[in-house]
């Protein structure tokens, strides 16, 4: 009888704790955490997407593959009012430049083999319209140059 009573009290206590915890979290009045960006618009030009937290949940505007193994994503974060290029599969000597009309172009180059084994991104350019982004890739130190916009194909 005592064991049954102890178990019943323990069960009721556990149910109460679960219900009280759920009740508290619903009525806490604390909104879900929103990203706090360290820059917006022109203040983002030349800034790093990671350091500014602009790279947390960006939109991939377009993807381009100038050669087998190389991938270029044009990315945009409305909360930052900025865009950039993210590159994969790059080789030593490759240079990637993102720009918008009237803005200051931002470049990332691949100086050594360490930079080939990871994703790289250009610094950001300010824009409130992702369709204005343009990325140019010069592949290899003496390689050809191709430019891409969010529209499919080279431009």
N, C-alpha and C. Protein backbone atom coordinates (compact mmCIF):
# COMPACT_ATOMS: atom_id res chain seq x y z
N UNK A 1 0.82 -1.18 0.00
CA UNK A 1 0.00 0.00 0.00
C UNK A 1 0.87 1.26 0.00
N UNK A 2 1.92 1.26 0.86
CA UNK A 2 2.80 2.41 0.93
C UNK A 2 3.52 2.62 -0.41
N UNK A 3 3.97 1.52 -1.02
CA UNK A 3 4.68 1.61 -2.30
C UNK A 3 3.77 2.20 -3.35
N UNK A 4 2.51 1.78 -3.37
CA UNK A 4 1.54 2.31 -4.33
C UNK A 4 1.32 3.80 -4.11
N UNK A 5 1.20 4.22 -2.86
CA UNK A 5 0.98 5.63 -2.56
C UNK A 5 2.20 6.46 -2.96
N UNK A 6 3.40 5.96 -2.69
CA UNK A 6 4.63 6.68 -3.06
C UNK A 6 4.72 6.81 -4.58
N UNK A 7 4.42 5.72 -5.29
CA UNK A 7 4.46 5.77 -6.74
C UNK A 7 3.43 6.75 -7.30
N UNK A 8 2.23 6.77 -6.73
CA UNK A 8 1.18 7.69 -7.19
C UNK A 8 1.60 9.13 -6.97
N UNK A 9 2.18 9.43 -5.80
CA UNK A 9 2.64 10.79 -5.52
C UNK A 9 3.77 11.17 -6.47
N UNK A 10 4.68 10.25 -6.72
CA UNK A 10 5.79 10.52 -7.63
C UNK A 10 5.28 10.78 -9.04
N UNK A 11 4.31 9.99 -9.48
CA UNK A 11 3.74 10.16 -10.82
C UNK A 11 3.03 11.50 -10.93
N UNK A 12 2.23 11.85 -9.92
CA UNK A 12 1.55 13.14 -9.93
C UNK A 12 2.56 14.30 -9.92
N UNK A 13 3.63 14.14 -9.16
CA UNK A 13 4.67 15.18 -9.12
C UNK A 13 5.34 15.33 -10.48
N UNK A 14 5.63 14.23 -11.14
CA UNK A 14 6.26 14.28 -12.46
C UNK A 14 5.34 14.95 -13.47
N UNK A 15 4.04 14.58 -13.45
CA UNK A 15 3.07 15.20 -14.36
C UNK A 15 2.99 16.69 -14.08
N UNK A 16 2.96 17.09 -12.84
CA UNK A 16 2.88 18.50 -12.49
C UNK A 16 4.11 19.26 -13.01
N UNK A 17 5.31 18.68 -12.83
CA UNK A 17 6.52 19.34 -13.32
C UNK A 17 6.50 19.51 -14.83
N UNK A 18 6.05 18.49 -15.54
CA UNK A 18 5.98 18.58 -17.00
C UNK A 18 4.98 19.66 -17.40
N UNK A 19 3.82 19.66 -16.80
CA UNK A 19 2.79 20.65 -17.13
C UNK A 19 3.23 22.06 -16.74
N UNK A 20 3.84 22.21 -15.61
CA UNK A 20 4.28 23.54 -15.16
C UNK A 20 5.37 24.06 -16.08
N UNK A 21 6.26 23.19 -16.52
CA UNK A 21 7.31 23.61 -17.44
C UNK A 21 6.74 24.04 -18.77
N UNK A 22 5.78 23.30 -19.31
CA UNK A 22 5.15 23.66 -20.58
C UNK A 22 4.37 24.96 -20.42
N UNK A 23 3.66 25.13 -19.31
CA UNK A 23 2.88 26.34 -19.09
C UNK A 23 3.80 27.55 -19.02
N UNK A 24 4.94 27.41 -18.30
CA UNK A 24 5.88 28.51 -18.17
C UNK A 24 6.46 28.91 -19.52
N UNK A 25 6.84 27.93 -20.37
CA UNK A 25 7.47 28.27 -21.63
C UNK A 25 6.49 28.92 -22.59
N UNK A 26 5.19 28.58 -22.51
CA UNK A 26 4.20 29.19 -23.39
C UNK A 26 3.91 30.63 -22.99
N UNK A 27 3.94 30.92 -21.74
CA UNK A 27 3.54 32.25 -21.29
C UNK A 27 4.73 33.12 -20.91
N UNK A 28 5.92 32.72 -21.30
CA UNK A 28 7.08 33.49 -20.87
C UNK A 28 7.14 34.86 -21.53
N UNK A 29 6.44 35.00 -22.68
CA UNK A 29 6.46 36.30 -23.35
C UNK A 29 7.75 36.58 -24.08
N UNK A 30 8.67 35.65 -24.10
CA UNK A 30 9.94 35.84 -24.79
C UNK A 30 9.78 35.34 -26.21
N UNK A 31 9.94 36.23 -27.22
CA UNK A 31 9.78 35.78 -28.60
C UNK A 31 10.93 34.87 -29.02
N UNK A 32 10.70 34.10 -30.06
CA UNK A 32 11.76 33.25 -30.60
C UNK A 32 12.94 34.13 -31.01
N UNK A 33 14.14 33.63 -30.84
CA UNK A 33 15.34 34.40 -31.15
C UNK A 33 15.41 34.71 -32.64
N UNK A 34 15.61 35.96 -32.97
CA UNK A 34 15.80 36.41 -34.34
C UNK A 34 17.27 36.74 -34.51
N UNK A 35 17.81 36.47 -35.70
CA UNK A 35 19.22 36.81 -35.88
C UNK A 35 19.44 38.31 -35.76
N UNK A 36 20.51 38.68 -35.12
CA UNK A 36 20.89 40.07 -35.02
C UNK A 36 22.10 40.26 -35.91
N UNK A 37 21.92 40.96 -37.01
CA UNK A 37 22.99 41.17 -37.96
C UNK A 37 23.85 42.34 -37.52
N UNK A 38 25.12 42.26 -37.82
CA UNK A 38 26.06 43.30 -37.40
C UNK A 38 26.15 44.44 -38.41
N UNK A 39 25.45 44.33 -39.55
CA UNK A 39 25.48 45.41 -40.53
C UNK A 39 24.24 45.34 -41.40
N UNK A 40 24.03 46.40 -42.17
CA UNK A 40 22.96 46.43 -43.15
C UNK A 40 23.36 47.38 -44.28
N UNK A 41 23.05 46.97 -45.51
CA UNK A 41 23.29 47.81 -46.67
C UNK A 41 24.76 48.18 -46.84
N UNK A 42 25.02 49.45 -47.08
CA UNK A 42 26.39 49.91 -47.35
C UNK A 42 27.38 49.54 -46.26
N UNK A 43 26.92 49.47 -45.02
CA UNK A 43 27.83 49.07 -43.93
C UNK A 43 28.32 47.63 -44.08
N UNK A 44 27.61 46.82 -44.88
CA UNK A 44 28.02 45.43 -45.10
C UNK A 44 29.06 45.29 -46.21
N UNK A 45 29.16 46.28 -47.09
CA UNK A 45 30.12 46.17 -48.20
C UNK A 45 31.52 45.95 -47.66
N UNK A 46 32.16 44.89 -48.15
CA UNK A 46 33.51 44.54 -47.73
C UNK A 46 33.59 43.72 -46.47
N UNK A 47 32.45 43.46 -45.83
CA UNK A 47 32.42 42.73 -44.56
C UNK A 47 32.31 41.22 -44.80
N UNK A 48 32.68 40.45 -43.80
CA UNK A 48 32.63 38.99 -43.84
C UNK A 48 31.23 38.50 -43.46
N UNK A 49 30.70 37.54 -44.22
CA UNK A 49 29.35 37.02 -43.96
C UNK A 49 29.25 36.28 -42.64
N UNK A 50 30.32 35.65 -42.20
CA UNK A 50 30.29 34.91 -40.95
C UNK A 50 30.36 35.86 -39.76
N UNK A 51 31.30 36.78 -39.79
CA UNK A 51 31.48 37.71 -38.67
C UNK A 51 30.25 38.59 -38.45
N UNK A 52 29.52 38.90 -39.51
CA UNK A 52 28.34 39.75 -39.39
C UNK A 52 27.06 38.97 -39.16
N UNK A 53 27.15 37.65 -39.19
CA UNK A 53 26.01 36.75 -39.05
C UNK A 53 25.04 36.83 -40.23
N UNK A 54 25.45 37.44 -41.32
CA UNK A 54 24.59 37.51 -42.51
C UNK A 54 24.50 36.16 -43.22
N UNK A 55 25.45 35.27 -42.96
CA UNK A 55 25.46 33.97 -43.61
C UNK A 55 24.68 32.90 -42.87
N UNK A 56 23.86 33.27 -41.88
CA UNK A 56 23.14 32.27 -41.10
C UNK A 56 22.03 31.57 -41.90
N UNK A 57 21.21 32.33 -42.62
CA UNK A 57 20.09 31.75 -43.36
C UNK A 57 19.87 32.49 -44.68
N UNK A 58 20.90 32.60 -45.51
CA UNK A 58 20.72 33.37 -46.74
C UNK A 58 19.95 32.59 -47.80
N UNK A 59 19.54 33.30 -48.81
CA UNK A 59 18.91 32.70 -49.98
C UNK A 59 20.00 32.46 -51.03
N UNK A 60 20.01 31.29 -51.64
CA UNK A 60 20.90 31.05 -52.77
C UNK A 60 20.13 31.50 -54.01
N UNK A 61 20.61 32.58 -54.62
CA UNK A 61 19.92 33.20 -55.74
C UNK A 61 20.15 32.40 -57.02
N UNK A 62 21.36 31.90 -57.21
CA UNK A 62 21.66 31.08 -58.39
C UNK A 62 22.93 30.28 -58.14
N UNK A 63 23.09 29.23 -58.91
CA UNK A 63 24.27 28.37 -58.83
C UNK A 63 24.84 28.21 -60.23
N UNK A 64 26.16 28.30 -60.34
CA UNK A 64 26.84 28.21 -61.64
C UNK A 64 28.00 27.24 -61.52
N UNK A 65 28.27 26.52 -62.61
CA UNK A 65 29.36 25.56 -62.66
C UNK A 65 30.20 25.83 -63.91
N UNK A 66 31.19 26.71 -63.80
CA UNK A 66 31.98 27.08 -64.98
C UNK A 66 32.83 25.94 -65.53
N UNK A 67 33.24 25.01 -64.68
CA UNK A 67 34.02 23.85 -65.08
C UNK A 67 33.67 22.70 -64.14
N UNK A 68 33.90 21.46 -64.57
CA UNK A 68 33.61 20.33 -63.68
C UNK A 68 34.34 20.48 -62.34
N UNK A 69 33.59 20.29 -61.27
CA UNK A 69 34.16 20.35 -59.92
C UNK A 69 34.10 21.72 -59.27
N UNK A 70 33.84 22.77 -60.03
CA UNK A 70 33.78 24.13 -59.47
C UNK A 70 32.32 24.56 -59.40
N UNK A 71 31.94 25.06 -58.25
CA UNK A 71 30.57 25.54 -58.04
C UNK A 71 30.62 26.95 -57.47
N UNK A 72 29.79 27.83 -58.02
CA UNK A 72 29.68 29.21 -57.54
C UNK A 72 28.21 29.46 -57.20
N UNK A 73 27.95 29.85 -55.96
CA UNK A 73 26.61 30.23 -55.54
C UNK A 73 26.56 31.73 -55.31
N UNK A 74 25.59 32.41 -55.92
CA UNK A 74 25.30 33.79 -55.57
C UNK A 74 24.32 33.75 -54.43
N UNK A 75 24.65 34.42 -53.32
CA UNK A 75 23.82 34.35 -52.12
C UNK A 75 23.39 35.75 -51.70
N UNK A 76 22.25 35.82 -50.99
CA UNK A 76 21.67 37.10 -50.60
C UNK A 76 20.97 36.97 -49.26
N UNK A 77 21.14 37.98 -48.42
CA UNK A 77 20.45 38.04 -47.13
C UNK A 77 19.70 39.36 -47.06
N UNK A 78 18.36 39.27 -47.11
CA UNK A 78 17.53 40.48 -47.08
C UNK A 78 17.73 41.25 -45.78
N UNK A 79 17.91 40.55 -44.66
CA UNK A 79 18.10 41.22 -43.37
C UNK A 79 19.36 42.06 -43.31
N UNK A 80 20.32 41.73 -44.15
CA UNK A 80 21.57 42.50 -44.22
C UNK A 80 21.58 43.44 -45.41
N UNK A 81 20.67 43.24 -46.35
CA UNK A 81 20.69 44.05 -47.56
C UNK A 81 21.99 43.88 -48.32
N UNK A 82 22.46 42.63 -48.44
CA UNK A 82 23.76 42.39 -49.05
C UNK A 82 23.80 41.00 -49.69
N UNK A 83 24.74 40.88 -50.65
CA UNK A 83 24.94 39.60 -51.32
C UNK A 83 26.42 39.29 -51.42
N UNK A 84 26.74 38.06 -51.80
CA UNK A 84 28.12 37.61 -51.93
C UNK A 84 28.15 36.35 -52.78
N UNK A 85 29.34 35.89 -53.09
CA UNK A 85 29.52 34.63 -53.80
C UNK A 85 30.18 33.63 -52.88
N UNK A 86 29.69 32.40 -52.93
CA UNK A 86 30.31 31.29 -52.20
C UNK A 86 30.84 30.32 -53.26
N UNK A 87 32.08 29.86 -53.09
CA UNK A 87 32.70 29.00 -54.09
C UNK A 87 33.17 27.69 -53.48
N UNK A 88 33.09 26.61 -54.28
CA UNK A 88 33.53 25.28 -53.88
C UNK A 88 34.34 24.71 -55.02
N UNK A 89 35.30 23.87 -54.72
CA UNK A 89 36.08 23.18 -55.74
C UNK A 89 37.12 24.05 -56.41
N UNK A 90 37.42 25.18 -55.82
CA UNK A 90 38.36 26.13 -56.41
C UNK A 90 39.78 25.57 -56.40
N UNK A 91 40.60 26.14 -57.29
CA UNK A 91 41.99 25.71 -57.40
C UNK A 91 42.92 26.90 -57.17
N UNK A 92 44.17 26.62 -56.90
CA UNK A 92 45.15 27.68 -56.69
C UNK A 92 45.17 28.57 -57.93
N UNK A 93 45.11 29.88 -57.69
CA UNK A 93 45.13 30.86 -58.77
C UNK A 93 43.76 31.34 -59.21
N UNK A 94 42.69 30.67 -58.81
CA UNK A 94 41.34 31.12 -59.17
C UNK A 94 41.03 32.42 -58.41
N UNK A 95 40.26 33.30 -59.07
CA UNK A 95 39.85 34.56 -58.46
C UNK A 95 38.35 34.74 -58.73
N UNK A 96 37.60 35.10 -57.69
CA UNK A 96 36.16 35.28 -57.80
C UNK A 96 35.81 36.68 -57.31
N UNK A 97 35.02 37.40 -58.11
CA UNK A 97 34.65 38.78 -57.79
C UNK A 97 33.15 38.93 -57.89
N UNK A 98 32.53 39.44 -56.83
CA UNK A 98 31.09 39.71 -56.83
C UNK A 98 30.91 41.23 -56.90
N UNK A 99 29.85 41.65 -57.61
CA UNK A 99 29.62 43.08 -57.77
C UNK A 99 28.15 43.36 -58.04
N UNK A 100 27.79 44.63 -57.91
CA UNK A 100 26.50 45.17 -58.35
C UNK A 100 26.82 46.48 -59.05
N UNK A 101 25.98 46.88 -59.98
CA UNK A 101 26.21 48.12 -60.72
C UNK A 101 26.34 49.29 -59.76
N UNK A 102 27.39 50.07 -59.93
CA UNK A 102 27.61 51.24 -59.09
C UNK A 102 28.22 50.95 -57.74
N UNK A 103 28.46 49.69 -57.42
CA UNK A 103 29.03 49.34 -56.13
C UNK A 103 30.49 48.96 -56.24
N UNK A 104 31.12 48.82 -55.10
CA UNK A 104 32.53 48.43 -55.04
C UNK A 104 32.64 46.91 -55.12
N UNK A 105 33.29 46.36 -56.18
CA UNK A 105 33.43 44.91 -56.30
C UNK A 105 34.22 44.32 -55.14
N UNK A 106 33.91 43.09 -54.78
CA UNK A 106 34.60 42.39 -53.69
C UNK A 106 35.14 41.07 -54.22
N UNK A 107 36.40 40.77 -53.87
CA UNK A 107 37.11 39.64 -54.46
C UNK A 107 37.66 38.71 -53.40
N UNK A 108 37.69 37.42 -53.76
CA UNK A 108 38.42 36.42 -52.99
C UNK A 108 39.27 35.66 -53.99
N UNK A 109 40.54 35.47 -53.63
CA UNK A 109 41.42 34.69 -54.49
C UNK A 109 41.87 33.44 -53.75
N UNK A 110 42.39 32.50 -54.50
CA UNK A 110 42.82 31.22 -53.95
C UNK A 110 44.34 31.20 -54.02
N UNK A 111 45.01 31.61 -52.93
CA UNK A 111 46.47 31.78 -52.98
C UNK A 111 47.28 30.50 -52.82
N UNK A 112 46.70 29.48 -52.15
CA UNK A 112 47.49 28.27 -51.87
C UNK A 112 46.58 27.06 -51.75
N UNK A 113 47.17 25.90 -51.60
CA UNK A 113 46.38 24.67 -51.55
C UNK A 113 45.48 24.59 -50.32
N UNK A 114 45.85 25.27 -49.23
CA UNK A 114 44.98 25.28 -48.04
C UNK A 114 43.61 25.84 -48.39
N UNK A 115 43.57 26.85 -49.24
CA UNK A 115 42.32 27.49 -49.60
C UNK A 115 41.51 26.68 -50.61
N UNK A 116 42.05 25.57 -51.10
CA UNK A 116 41.29 24.76 -52.07
C UNK A 116 40.44 23.71 -51.39
N UNK A 117 40.71 23.38 -50.17
CA UNK A 117 40.00 22.30 -49.51
C UNK A 117 38.80 22.73 -48.70
N UNK A 118 38.30 23.92 -48.89
CA UNK A 118 37.15 24.39 -48.11
C UNK A 118 36.33 25.37 -48.93
N UNK A 119 35.14 25.64 -48.47
CA UNK A 119 34.30 26.63 -49.15
C UNK A 119 34.82 28.02 -48.82
N UNK A 120 34.87 28.85 -49.81
CA UNK A 120 35.27 30.24 -49.61
C UNK A 120 34.10 31.14 -49.98
N UNK A 121 34.14 32.35 -49.50
CA UNK A 121 33.14 33.33 -49.91
C UNK A 121 33.80 34.69 -50.06
N UNK A 122 33.24 35.48 -50.95
CA UNK A 122 33.74 36.84 -51.13
C UNK A 122 33.23 37.69 -49.98
N UNK A 123 33.85 38.84 -49.75
CA UNK A 123 33.21 39.81 -48.88
C UNK A 123 31.88 40.25 -49.52
N UNK A 124 31.03 40.89 -48.75
CA UNK A 124 29.69 41.24 -49.23
C UNK A 124 29.68 42.55 -50.02
N UNK A 125 28.62 42.67 -50.86
CA UNK A 125 28.30 43.91 -51.55
C UNK A 125 26.88 44.29 -51.16
N UNK A 126 26.64 45.58 -50.99
CA UNK A 126 25.31 46.06 -50.60
C UNK A 126 24.37 46.02 -51.80
N UNK A 127 23.18 45.49 -51.58
CA UNK A 127 22.12 45.52 -52.58
C UNK A 127 20.80 45.17 -51.91
N UNK A 128 19.74 45.77 -52.38
CA UNK A 128 18.42 45.39 -51.86
C UNK A 128 17.66 44.58 -52.90
N UNK A 129 18.34 44.28 -54.02
CA UNK A 129 17.74 43.49 -55.09
C UNK A 129 18.71 42.38 -55.51
N UNK A 130 18.48 41.14 -55.11
CA UNK A 130 19.42 40.07 -55.40
C UNK A 130 19.64 39.82 -56.89
N UNK A 131 18.67 40.20 -57.71
CA UNK A 131 18.82 39.99 -59.15
C UNK A 131 19.90 40.89 -59.76
N UNK A 132 20.39 41.87 -59.00
CA UNK A 132 21.45 42.75 -59.51
C UNK A 132 22.85 42.19 -59.26
N UNK A 133 22.94 41.09 -58.52
CA UNK A 133 24.26 40.51 -58.22
C UNK A 133 24.91 39.94 -59.49
N UNK A 134 26.22 40.01 -59.53
CA UNK A 134 27.00 39.46 -60.64
C UNK A 134 28.30 38.91 -60.05
N UNK A 135 28.69 37.72 -60.49
CA UNK A 135 29.96 37.14 -60.05
C UNK A 135 30.77 36.81 -61.29
N UNK A 136 32.06 37.14 -61.23
CA UNK A 136 32.99 36.80 -62.30
C UNK A 136 34.05 35.88 -61.72
N UNK A 137 34.41 34.87 -62.51
CA UNK A 137 35.41 33.89 -62.11
C UNK A 137 36.54 33.91 -63.13
N UNK A 138 37.76 34.11 -62.63
CA UNK A 138 38.95 33.93 -63.46
C UNK A 138 39.59 32.65 -62.96
N UNK A 139 39.55 31.64 -63.79
CA UNK A 139 40.00 30.32 -63.37
C UNK A 139 41.46 30.11 -63.75
N UNK A 140 42.29 29.93 -62.73
CA UNK A 140 43.73 29.76 -62.93
C UNK A 140 44.42 31.10 -63.09
N UNK A 141 45.72 31.15 -62.85
CA UNK A 141 46.44 32.43 -62.92
C UNK A 141 46.39 33.07 -64.30
N UNK A 142 46.31 32.29 -65.35
CA UNK A 142 46.22 32.82 -66.71
C UNK A 142 44.94 32.36 -67.38
N UNK A 143 43.95 31.99 -66.57
CA UNK A 143 42.74 31.37 -67.10
C UNK A 143 41.75 32.34 -67.70
N UNK A 144 40.72 31.76 -68.26
CA UNK A 144 39.67 32.56 -68.86
C UNK A 144 38.75 33.14 -67.78
N UNK A 145 37.99 34.15 -68.16
CA UNK A 145 37.10 34.82 -67.22
C UNK A 145 35.68 34.65 -67.72
N UNK A 146 34.79 34.24 -66.81
CA UNK A 146 33.37 34.14 -67.11
C UNK A 146 32.60 34.85 -66.02
N UNK A 147 31.51 35.52 -66.42
CA UNK A 147 30.67 36.23 -65.46
C UNK A 147 29.27 35.66 -65.49
N UNK A 148 28.62 35.69 -64.32
CA UNK A 148 27.29 35.12 -64.18
C UNK A 148 26.39 36.07 -63.38
N UNK A 149 25.12 36.06 -63.72
CA UNK A 149 24.10 36.78 -62.98
C UNK A 149 23.08 35.74 -62.50
N UNK A 150 22.07 36.16 -61.75
CA UNK A 150 21.06 35.20 -61.34
C UNK A 150 20.31 34.55 -62.49
N UNK A 151 20.32 35.17 -63.68
CA UNK A 151 19.72 34.54 -64.85
C UNK A 151 20.60 33.36 -65.26
N UNK A 152 20.02 32.28 -65.79
CA UNK A 152 20.83 31.12 -66.16
C UNK A 152 21.83 31.45 -67.27
N UNK A 153 23.00 30.84 -67.18
CA UNK A 153 24.02 30.96 -68.22
C UNK A 153 24.96 32.12 -68.01
N UNK A 154 26.10 32.12 -68.74
CA UNK A 154 27.07 33.21 -68.64
C UNK A 154 26.50 34.51 -69.18
N UNK A 155 27.01 35.64 -68.68
CA UNK A 155 26.58 36.95 -69.19
C UNK A 155 27.80 37.78 -69.56
